[in-house]
PDB file of all heavy atoms in Angstrom:
ATOM      1  N   THR A   1      17.852  16.478 -11.110  1.00  0.00           N
ATOM      2  CA  THR A   1      17.350  15.382 -11.971  1.00  0.00           C
ATOM      3  C   THR A   1      16.354  14.480 -11.244  1.00  0.00           C
ATOM      4  O   THR A   1      16.183  13.339 -11.603  1.00  0.00           O
ATOM      5  CB  THR A   1      18.510  14.540 -12.493  1.00  0.00           C
ATOM      6  OG1 THR A   1      19.224  13.965 -11.390  1.00  0.00           O
ATOM      7  CG2 THR A   1      19.488  15.384 -13.303  1.00  0.00           C
ATOM      8  N   PHE A   2      15.718  14.993 -10.207  1.00  0.00           N
ATOM      9  CA  PHE A   2      14.810  14.167  -9.421  1.00  0.00           C
ATOM     10  C   PHE A   2      13.710  13.571 -10.274  1.00  0.00           C
ATOM     11  O   PHE A   2      13.167  14.245 -11.151  1.00  0.00           O
ATOM     12  CB  PHE A   2      14.195  14.998  -8.295  1.00  0.00           C
ATOM     13  CG  PHE A   2      13.291  14.242  -7.377  1.00  0.00           C
ATOM     14  CD1 PHE A   2      13.814  13.294  -6.495  1.00  0.00           C
ATOM     15  CD2 PHE A   2      11.908  14.404  -7.423  1.00  0.00           C
ATOM     16  CE1 PHE A   2      12.964  12.569  -5.659  1.00  0.00           C
ATOM     17  CE2 PHE A   2      11.088  13.687  -6.575  1.00  0.00           C
ATOM     18  CZ  PHE A   2      11.608  12.762  -5.702  1.00  0.00           C
ATOM     19  N   ASP A   3      13.380  12.309 -10.027  1.00  0.00           N
ATOM     20  CA  ASP A   3      12.400  11.572 -10.813  1.00  0.00           C
ATOM     21  C   ASP A   3      11.017  11.763 -10.188  1.00  0.00           C
ATOM     22  O   ASP A   3      10.664  11.077  -9.211  1.00  0.00           O
ATOM     23  CB  ASP A   3      12.800  10.076 -10.824  1.00  0.00           C
ATOM     24  CG  ASP A   3      11.949   9.254 -11.765  1.00  0.00           C
ATOM     25  OD1 ASP A   3      10.877   9.745 -12.208  1.00  0.00           O
ATOM     26  OD2 ASP A   3      12.321   8.110 -12.065  1.00  0.00           O
ATOM     27  N   TRP A   4      10.220  12.628 -10.797  1.00  0.00           N
ATOM     28  CA  TRP A   4       8.892  12.914 -10.244  1.00  0.00           C
ATOM     29  C   TRP A   4       7.925  11.735 -10.460  1.00  0.00           C
ATOM     30  O   TRP A   4       6.954  11.567  -9.691  1.00  0.00           O
ATOM     31  CB  TRP A   4       8.342  14.187 -10.854  1.00  0.00           C
ATOM     32  CG  TRP A   4       9.147  15.407 -10.418  1.00  0.00           C
ATOM     33  CD1 TRP A   4      10.108  16.034 -11.147  1.00  0.00           C
ATOM     34  CD2 TRP A   4       9.055  16.050  -9.162  1.00  0.00           C
ATOM     35  NE1 TRP A   4      10.655  17.056 -10.419  1.00  0.00           N
ATOM     36  CE2 TRP A   4      10.045  17.076  -9.175  1.00  0.00           C
ATOM     37  CE3 TRP A   4       8.331  15.848  -7.982  1.00  0.00           C
ATOM     38  CZ2 TRP A   4      10.251  17.939  -8.099  1.00  0.00           C
ATOM     39  CZ3 TRP A   4       8.527  16.688  -6.920  1.00  0.00           C
ATOM     40  CH2 TRP A   4       9.481  17.722  -6.970  1.00  0.00           C
ATOM     41  N   LYS A   5       8.146  10.922 -11.476  1.00  0.00           N
ATOM     42  CA  LYS A   5       7.313   9.725 -11.649  1.00  0.00           C
ATOM     43  C   LYS A   5       7.534   8.749 -10.521  1.00  0.00           C
ATOM     44  O   LYS A   5       6.624   8.040 -10.089  1.00  0.00           O
ATOM     45  CB  LYS A   5       7.637   9.061 -12.983  1.00  0.00           C
ATOM     46  CG  LYS A   5       7.132   9.820 -14.212  1.00  0.00           C
ATOM     47  CD  LYS A   5       7.344   9.019 -15.479  1.00  0.00           C
ATOM     48  CE  LYS A   5       6.751   9.744 -16.677  1.00  0.00           C
ATOM     49  NZ  LYS A   5       6.957   8.971 -17.953  1.00  0.00           N
ATOM     50  N   TRP A   6       8.762   8.683 -10.017  1.00  0.00           N
ATOM     51  CA  TRP A   6       9.055   7.840  -8.812  1.00  0.00           C
ATOM     52  C   TRP A   6       8.202   8.315  -7.645  1.00  0.00           C
ATOM     53  O   TRP A   6       7.543   7.498  -6.970  1.00  0.00           O
ATOM     54  CB  TRP A   6      10.542   7.994  -8.482  1.00  0.00           C
ATOM     55  CG  TRP A   6      10.956   7.306  -7.198  1.00  0.00           C
ATOM     56  CD1 TRP A   6      11.410   6.030  -7.061  1.00  0.00           C
ATOM     57  CD2 TRP A   6      10.964   7.862  -5.905  1.00  0.00           C
ATOM     58  NE1 TRP A   6      11.692   5.770  -5.729  1.00  0.00           N
ATOM     59  CE2 TRP A   6      11.419   6.876  -5.011  1.00  0.00           C
ATOM     60  CE3 TRP A   6      10.612   9.129  -5.348  1.00  0.00           C
ATOM     61  CZ2 TRP A   6      11.536   7.091  -3.623  1.00  0.00           C
ATOM     62  CZ3 TRP A   6      10.719   9.327  -3.997  1.00  0.00           C
ATOM     63  CH2 TRP A   6      11.184   8.336  -3.146  1.00  0.00           C
ATOM     64  N   LEU A   7       8.168   9.632  -7.396  1.00  0.00           N
ATOM     65  CA  LEU A   7       7.413  10.141  -6.275  1.00  0.00           C
ATOM     66  C   LEU A   7       5.928   9.907  -6.443  1.00  0.00           C
ATOM     67  O   LEU A   7       5.210   9.529  -5.502  1.00  0.00           O
ATOM     68  CB  LEU A   7       7.690  11.667  -6.151  1.00  0.00           C
ATOM     69  CG  LEU A   7       6.912  12.373  -5.000  1.00  0.00           C
ATOM     70  CD1 LEU A   7       7.280  11.758  -3.655  1.00  0.00           C
ATOM     71  CD2 LEU A   7       7.214  13.867  -5.031  1.00  0.00           C
ATOM     72  N   GLN A   8       5.424  10.090  -7.658  1.00  0.00           N
ATOM     73  CA  GLN A   8       4.005   9.880  -7.934  1.00  0.00           C
ATOM     74  C   GLN A   8       3.632   8.409  -7.605  1.00  0.00           C
ATOM     75  O   GLN A   8       2.562   8.155  -7.025  1.00  0.00           O
ATOM     76  CB  GLN A   8       3.716  10.209  -9.393  1.00  0.00           C
ATOM     77  CG  GLN A   8       2.258  10.076  -9.791  1.00  0.00           C
ATOM     78  CD  GLN A   8       2.015  10.406 -11.259  1.00  0.00           C
ATOM     79  OE1 GLN A   8       2.970  10.480 -12.043  1.00  0.00           O
ATOM     80  NE2 GLN A   8       0.787  10.646 -11.622  1.00  0.00           N
ATOM     81  N   ALA A   9       4.455   7.476  -8.023  1.00  0.00           N
ATOM     82  CA  ALA A   9       4.177   6.075  -7.755  1.00  0.00           C
ATOM     83  C   ALA A   9       4.184   5.757  -6.247  1.00  0.00           C
ATOM     84  O   ALA A   9       3.347   4.994  -5.768  1.00  0.00           O
ATOM     85  CB  ALA A   9       5.189   5.191  -8.471  1.00  0.00           C
ATOM     86  N   ARG A  10       5.115   6.369  -5.545  1.00  0.00           N
ATOM     87  CA  ARG A  10       5.202   6.108  -4.094  1.00  0.00           C
ATOM     88  C   ARG A  10       3.989   6.684  -3.364  1.00  0.00           C
ATOM     89  O   ARG A  10       3.452   6.063  -2.446  1.00  0.00           O
ATOM     90  CB  ARG A  10       6.482   6.704  -3.507  1.00  0.00           C
ATOM     91  CG  ARG A  10       7.742   6.060  -4.008  1.00  0.00           C
ATOM     92  CD  ARG A  10       7.777   4.540  -3.804  1.00  0.00           C
ATOM     93  NE  ARG A  10       9.031   3.956  -4.244  1.00  0.00           N
ATOM     94  CZ  ARG A  10       9.289   3.560  -5.488  1.00  0.00           C
ATOM     95  NH1 ARG A  10       8.346   3.638  -6.401  1.00  0.00           N
ATOM     96  NH2 ARG A  10      10.454   3.048  -5.806  1.00  0.00           N
ATOM     97  N   LEU A  11       3.531   7.871  -3.767  1.00  0.00           N
ATOM     98  CA  LEU A  11       2.350   8.460  -3.138  1.00  0.00           C
ATOM     99  C   LEU A  11       1.090   7.650  -3.410  1.00  0.00           C
ATOM    100  O   LEU A  11       0.196   7.574  -2.597  1.00  0.00           O
ATOM    101  CB  LEU A  11       2.178   9.882  -3.650  1.00  0.00           C
ATOM    102  CG  LEU A  11       3.260  10.914  -3.203  1.00  0.00           C
ATOM    103  CD1 LEU A  11       3.001  12.270  -3.865  1.00  0.00           C
ATOM    104  CD2 LEU A  11       3.278  11.055  -1.697  1.00  0.00           C
ATOM    105  N   ALA A  12       1.064   7.028  -4.591  1.00  0.00           N
ATOM    106  CA  ALA A  12      -0.097   6.214  -4.955  1.00  0.00           C
ATOM    107  C   ALA A  12      -0.148   4.887  -4.259  1.00  0.00           C
ATOM    108  O   ALA A  12      -1.227   4.311  -4.055  1.00  0.00           O
ATOM    109  CB  ALA A  12      -0.110   6.025  -6.482  1.00  0.00           C
ATOM    110  N   ASP A  13       1.015   4.380  -3.845  1.00  0.00           N
ATOM    111  CA  ASP A  13       1.054   3.056  -3.221  1.00  0.00           C
ATOM    112  C   ASP A  13       2.153   2.997  -2.149  1.00  0.00           C
ATOM    113  O   ASP A  13       3.170   2.366  -2.316  1.00  0.00           O
ATOM    114  CB  ASP A  13       1.333   1.978  -4.290  1.00  0.00           C
ATOM    115  CG  ASP A  13       1.292   0.560  -3.735  1.00  0.00           C
ATOM    116  OD1 ASP A  13       0.558   0.333  -2.777  1.00  0.00           O
ATOM    117  OD2 ASP A  13       2.021  -0.292  -4.283  1.00  0.00           O
ATOM    118  N   PRO A  14       1.925   3.693  -1.025  1.00  0.00           N
ATOM    119  CA  PRO A  14       2.993   3.785  -0.001  1.00  0.00           C
ATOM    120  C   PRO A  14       3.151   2.526   0.851  1.00  0.00           C
ATOM    121  O   PRO A  14       4.197   2.340   1.452  1.00  0.00           O
ATOM    122  CB  PRO A  14       2.529   4.940   0.855  1.00  0.00           C
ATOM    123  CG  PRO A  14       1.024   4.935   0.728  1.00  0.00           C
ATOM    124  CD  PRO A  14       0.750   4.496  -0.672  1.00  0.00           C
ATOM    125  N   ALA A  15       2.158   1.642   0.890  1.00  0.00           N
ATOM    126  CA  ALA A  15       2.217   0.518   1.813  1.00  0.00           C
ATOM    127  C   ALA A  15       1.680  -0.730   1.128  1.00  0.00           C
ATOM    128  O   ALA A  15       0.662  -1.333   1.550  1.00  0.00           O
ATOM    129  CB  ALA A  15       1.407   0.814   3.058  1.00  0.00           C
ATOM    130  N   THR A  16       2.363  -1.188   0.094  1.00  0.00           N
ATOM    131  CA  THR A  16       1.937  -2.372  -0.686  1.00  0.00           C
ATOM    132  C   THR A  16       1.703  -3.579   0.219  1.00  0.00           C
ATOM    133  O   THR A  16       2.533  -3.890   1.083  1.00  0.00           O
ATOM    134  CB  THR A  16       3.017  -2.706  -1.736  1.00  0.00           C
ATOM    135  OG1 THR A  16       3.342  -1.535  -2.454  1.00  0.00           O
ATOM    136  CG2 THR A  16       2.489  -3.786  -2.664  1.00  0.00           C
ATOM    137  N   ASN A  17       0.585  -4.249  -0.003  1.00  0.00           N
ATOM    138  CA  ASN A  17       0.258  -5.510   0.672  1.00  0.00           C
ATOM    139  C   ASN A  17      -0.116  -5.359   2.163  1.00  0.00           C
ATOM    140  O   ASN A  17      -0.505  -6.366   2.782  1.00  0.00           O
ATOM    141  CB  ASN A  17       1.358  -6.576   0.527  1.00  0.00           C
ATOM    142  CG  ASN A  17       1.541  -7.048  -0.915  1.00  0.00           C
ATOM    143  OD1 ASN A  17       0.561  -7.149  -1.652  1.00  0.00           O
ATOM    144  ND2 ASN A  17       2.773  -7.268  -1.297  1.00  0.00           N
ATOM    145  N   SER A  18       0.022  -4.218   2.720  1.00  0.00           N
ATOM    146  CA  SER A  18      -0.337  -4.049   4.123  1.00  0.00           C
ATOM    147  C   SER A  18      -1.808  -4.243   4.351  1.00  0.00           C
ATOM    148  O   SER A  18      -2.263  -4.677   5.389  1.00  0.00           O
ATOM    149  CB  SER A  18       0.092  -2.658   4.609  1.00  0.00           C
ATOM    150  OG  SER A  18       1.523  -2.534   4.582  1.00  0.00           O
ATOM    151  N   ASP A  19      -2.639  -3.893   3.312  1.00  0.00           N
ATOM    152  CA  ASP A  19      -4.083  -4.072   3.453  1.00  0.00           C
ATOM    153  C   ASP A  19      -4.427  -5.559   3.528  1.00  0.00           C
ATOM    154  O   ASP A  19      -5.313  -5.970   4.301  1.00  0.00           O
ATOM    155  CB  ASP A  19      -4.793  -3.447   2.252  1.00  0.00           C
ATOM    156  CG  ASP A  19      -4.330  -3.984   0.913  1.00  0.00           C
ATOM    157  OD1 ASP A  19      -3.172  -4.481   0.803  1.00  0.00           O
ATOM    158  OD2 ASP A  19      -5.095  -3.909  -0.074  1.00  0.00           O
ATOM    159  N   LEU A  20      -3.688  -6.404   2.789  1.00  0.00           N
ATOM    160  CA  LEU A  20      -3.932  -7.842   2.846  1.00  0.00           C
ATOM    161  C   LEU A  20      -3.628  -8.390   4.221  1.00  0.00           C
ATOM    162  O   LEU A  20      -4.392  -9.196   4.782  1.00  0.00           O
ATOM    163  CB  LEU A  20      -3.090  -8.544   1.767  1.00  0.00           C
ATOM    164  CG  LEU A  20      -3.104 -10.091   1.788  1.00  0.00           C
ATOM    165  CD1 LEU A  20      -4.519 -10.606   1.680  1.00  0.00           C
ATOM    166  CD2 LEU A  20      -2.203 -10.636   0.734  1.00  0.00           C
ATOM    167  N   LEU A  21      -2.493  -8.001   4.756  1.00  0.00           N
ATOM    168  CA  LEU A  21      -2.123  -8.480   6.110  1.00  0.00           C
ATOM    169  C   LEU A  21      -3.142  -8.049   7.127  1.00  0.00           C
ATOM    170  O   LEU A  21      -3.581  -8.791   8.009  1.00  0.00           O
ATOM    171  CB  LEU A  21      -0.735  -7.964   6.482  1.00  0.00           C
ATOM    172  CG  LEU A  21      -0.207  -8.407   7.854  1.00  0.00           C
ATOM    173  CD1 LEU A  21      -0.079  -9.923   7.921  1.00  0.00           C
ATOM    174  CD2 LEU A  21       1.145  -7.760   8.139  1.00  0.00           C
ATOM    175  N   ALA A  22      -3.583  -6.772   7.027  1.00  0.00           N
ATOM    176  CA  ALA A  22      -4.579  -6.249   7.962  1.00  0.00           C
ATOM    177  C   ALA A  22      -5.894  -7.014   7.880  1.00  0.00           C
ATOM    178  O   ALA A  22      -6.522  -7.351   8.877  1.00  0.00           O
ATOM    179  CB  ALA A  22      -4.790  -4.768   7.708  1.00  0.00           C
ATOM    180  N   GLN A  23      -6.320  -7.318   6.622  1.00  0.00           N
ATOM    181  CA  GLN A  23      -7.560  -8.056   6.439  1.00  0.00           C
ATOM    182  C   GLN A  23      -7.469  -9.465   7.008  1.00  0.00           C
ATOM    183  O   GLN A  23      -8.390  -9.974   7.645  1.00  0.00           O
ATOM    184  CB  GLN A  23      -7.898  -8.120   4.955  1.00  0.00           C
ATOM    185  CG  GLN A  23      -8.343  -6.797   4.362  1.00  0.00           C
ATOM    186  CD  GLN A  23      -8.541  -6.876   2.892  1.00  0.00           C
ATOM    187  OE1 GLN A  23      -8.605  -7.938   2.263  1.00  0.00           O
ATOM    188  NE2 GLN A  23      -8.600  -5.697   2.226  1.00  0.00           N
ATOM    189  N   ALA A  24      -6.299 -10.113   6.846  1.00  0.00           N
ATOM    190  CA  ALA A  24      -6.122 -11.467   7.378  1.00  0.00           C
ATOM    191  C   ALA A  24      -6.196 -11.491   8.886  1.00  0.00           C
ATOM    192  O   ALA A  24      -6.704 -12.431   9.486  1.00  0.00           O
ATOM    193  CB  ALA A  24      -4.775 -12.028   6.915  1.00  0.00           C
ATOM    194  N   LEU A  25      -5.735 -10.407   9.515  1.00  0.00           N
ATOM    195  CA  LEU A  25      -5.687 -10.356  10.984  1.00  0.00           C
ATOM    196  C   LEU A  25      -6.914  -9.723  11.600  1.00  0.00           C
ATOM    197  O   LEU A  25      -7.173  -9.900  12.799  1.00  0.00           O
ATOM    198  CB  LEU A  25      -4.443  -9.598  11.432  1.00  0.00           C
ATOM    199  CG  LEU A  25      -3.107 -10.231  11.054  1.00  0.00           C
ATOM    200  CD1 LEU A  25      -1.957  -9.341  11.472  1.00  0.00           C
ATOM    201  CD2 LEU A  25      -2.963 -11.613  11.703  1.00  0.00           C
ATOM    202  N   LEU A  26      -7.717  -8.951  10.799  1.00  0.00           N
ATOM    203  CA  LEU A  26      -8.812  -8.193  11.397  1.00  0.00           C
ATOM    204  C   LEU A  26     -10.199  -8.541  10.892  1.00  0.00           C
ATOM    205  O   LEU A  26     -11.186  -8.148  11.521  1.00  0.00           O
ATOM    206  CB  LEU A  26      -8.576  -6.674  11.142  1.00  0.00           C
ATOM    207  CG  LEU A  26      -7.285  -6.110  11.739  1.00  0.00           C
ATOM    208  CD1 LEU A  26      -7.114  -4.648  11.343  1.00  0.00           C
ATOM    209  CD2 LEU A  26      -7.257  -6.265  13.269  1.00  0.00           C
ATOM    210  N   THR A  27     -10.338  -9.211   9.746  1.00  0.00           N
ATOM    211  CA  THR A  27     -11.644  -9.566   9.238  1.00  0.00           C
ATOM    212  C   THR A  27     -12.364 -10.490  10.229  1.00  0.00           C
ATOM    213  O   THR A  27     -11.885 -11.603  10.520  1.00  0.00           O
ATOM    214  CB  THR A  27     -11.540 -10.288   7.879  1.00  0.00           C
ATOM    215  OG1 THR A  27     -10.902  -9.412   6.940  1.00  0.00           O
ATOM    216  CG2 THR A  27     -12.915 -10.674   7.348  1.00  0.00           C
ATOM    217  N   PRO A  28     -13.522 -10.067  10.772  1.00  0.00           N
ATOM    218  CA  PRO A  28     -14.102 -10.801  11.913  1.00  0.00           C
ATOM    219  C   PRO A  28     -14.827 -12.099  11.544  1.00  0.00           C
ATOM    220  O   PRO A  28     -14.996 -12.975  12.379  1.00  0.00           O
ATOM    221  CB  PRO A  28     -15.082  -9.785  12.491  1.00  0.00           C
ATOM    222  CG  PRO A  28     -15.433  -8.888  11.341  1.00  0.00           C
ATOM    223  CD  PRO A  28     -14.212  -8.810  10.480  1.00  0.00           C
ATOM    224  N   SER A  29     -15.291 -12.217  10.276  1.00  0.00           N
ATOM    225  CA  SER A  29     -16.090 -13.425   9.935  1.00  0.00           C
ATOM    226  C   SER A  29     -15.887 -13.757   8.453  1.00  0.00           C
ATOM    227  O   SER A  29     -15.396 -12.946   7.678  1.00  0.00           O
ATOM    228  CB  SER A  29     -17.554 -13.235  10.254  1.00  0.00           C
ATOM    229  OG  SER A  29     -18.125 -12.351   9.306  1.00  0.00           O
ATOM    230  N   LEU A  30     -16.352 -14.936   8.107  1.00  0.00           N
ATOM    231  CA  LEU A  30     -16.257 -15.399   6.709  1.00  0.00           C
ATOM    232  C   LEU A  30     -17.456 -14.928   5.886  1.00  0.00           C
ATOM    233  O   LEU A  30     -17.521 -15.194   4.672  1.00  0.00           O
ATOM    234  CB  LEU A  30     -16.190 -16.939   6.680  1.00  0.00           C
ATOM    235  CG  LEU A  30     -14.925 -17.524   7.231  1.00  0.00           C
ATOM    236  CD1 LEU A  30     -15.059 -19.072   7.330  1.00  0.00           C
ATOM    237  CD2 LEU A  30     -13.717 -17.154   6.410  1.00  0.00           C
TER     238      LEU A  30
END
């Protein structure tokens, strides 16, 4: 009964908000 929609969602967004944290710490200028 595995939920394939669950897997599809995880593959589409495996690391929520990590891009925001990376940008806050790595964006070199305004």
